[in-house]
Protein backbone atom coordinates (compact mmCIF):
# COMPACT_ATOMS: atom_id res chain seq x y z
CA UNK A 1 -154.91 41.50 196.25
CA UNK A 2 -152.66 39.25 194.16
CA UNK A 3 -151.93 35.61 195.02
CA UNK A 4 -148.38 36.24 196.26
CA UNK A 5 -149.59 38.87 198.72
CA UNK A 6 -152.35 36.56 199.93
CA UNK A 7 -149.87 33.70 200.38
CA UNK A 8 -147.52 35.94 202.37
CA UNK A 9 -150.35 37.18 204.61
CA UNK A 10 -151.48 33.57 205.23
CA UNK A 11 -147.94 32.50 206.13
CA UNK A 12 -147.33 35.52 208.35
CA UNK A 13 -150.63 35.00 210.19
CA UNK A 14 -149.89 31.39 211.16
CA UNK A 15 -146.18 31.93 211.84
CA UNK A 16 -147.11 34.75 214.24
CA UNK A 17 -149.22 32.19 216.12
CA UNK A 18 -146.20 29.86 216.52
CA UNK A 19 -147.31 27.38 213.84
CA UNK A 20 -144.83 25.55 211.60
CA UNK A 21 -145.22 25.57 207.82
CA UNK A 22 -145.26 22.26 205.98
CA UNK A 23 -144.00 21.94 202.42
CA UNK A 24 -146.58 21.48 199.71
CA UNK A 25 -147.32 17.83 198.91
CA UNK A 26 -147.57 16.36 195.43
CA UNK A 27 -150.88 16.62 193.56
CA UNK A 28 -150.71 12.84 193.25
CA UNK A 29 -151.57 11.37 196.62
CA UNK A 30 -149.08 9.13 198.43
CA UNK A 31 -149.73 5.61 197.10
CA UNK A 32 -148.78 4.03 200.41
CA UNK A 33 -151.45 6.00 202.29
CA UNK A 34 -154.28 4.38 200.35
CA UNK A 35 -156.49 7.45 200.66
CA UNK A 36 -157.17 8.70 197.12
CA UNK A 37 -155.64 9.14 193.69
CA UNK A 38 -155.22 12.93 193.88
CA UNK A 39 -154.49 15.38 196.63
CA UNK A 40 -157.98 16.84 197.02
CA UNK A 41 -157.36 18.87 200.19
CA UNK A 42 -154.51 20.39 202.18
CA UNK A 43 -155.15 17.91 204.98
CA UNK A 44 -154.30 14.72 203.10
CA UNK A 45 -150.62 14.76 203.95
CA UNK A 46 -151.66 15.10 207.61
CA UNK A 47 -153.94 12.05 207.79
CA UNK A 48 -151.43 9.91 209.76
CA UNK A 49 -151.04 12.71 212.31
CA UNK A 50 -154.78 13.27 212.59
CA UNK A 51 -155.02 9.57 213.42
CA UNK A 52 -152.62 9.96 216.34
CA UNK A 53 -149.11 9.59 214.93
CA UNK A 54 -146.70 12.26 216.24
CA UNK A 55 -145.30 14.82 213.76
CA UNK A 56 -141.69 15.96 214.17
CA UNK A 57 -142.75 19.63 213.97
CA UNK A 58 -145.43 19.31 216.66
CA UNK A 59 -149.17 19.91 216.54
CA UNK A 60 -149.34 23.49 215.25
CA UNK A 61 -148.93 22.98 211.51
CA UNK A 62 -150.17 24.70 208.36
CA UNK A 63 -149.61 24.62 204.64
CA UNK A 64 -150.62 26.05 201.32
CA UNK A 65 -151.60 23.11 199.17
CA UNK A 66 -152.53 22.87 195.52
CA UNK A 67 -155.32 20.36 195.05
CA UNK A 68 -157.54 18.81 192.40
CA UNK A 69 -161.30 18.99 192.92
CA UNK A 70 -163.32 16.12 191.55
CA UNK A 71 -166.55 16.44 193.55
CA UNK A 72 -168.16 18.76 191.02
CA UNK A 73 -166.41 17.44 187.90
CA UNK A 74 -169.67 17.50 185.90
CA UNK A 75 -169.91 21.26 186.45
CA UNK A 76 -166.41 22.09 185.19
CA UNK A 77 -166.29 24.74 182.51
CA UNK A 78 -168.65 27.38 183.82
CA UNK A 79 -167.54 30.56 185.59
CA UNK A 80 -167.40 29.04 189.08
CA UNK A 81 -166.22 25.43 188.77
CA UNK A 82 -162.57 24.53 188.33
CA UNK A 83 -160.64 21.30 188.86
CA UNK A 84 -157.34 22.88 189.89
CA UNK A 85 -156.78 25.82 192.22
C-alpha cells in the first residue's frame, strides 16, 4: 500500500466515526507553548485541549502529523531508525 492510500484510509476511517480532521502543525513546535523545540508527536498541537481548554471543533479530533524523533538519535543511520517520518 502506498502512503497516499494509507492516508486516505486513515482519514476515511476517522471521518466515518464523526471525527474532525485538524491541519498538520509545523515541525517546529509553537514557541509560546513551551513544550519542546520540535513537533515530536501528533498530539503536541493538542496539549492545551488535553489540559481542559475547549477546541472549536469539539472533542473528536484527529490528524496526520509529520514529526521529528530525537529519542533514539544515537541509533540514526541503520535500517530501522530515522529522525523524520
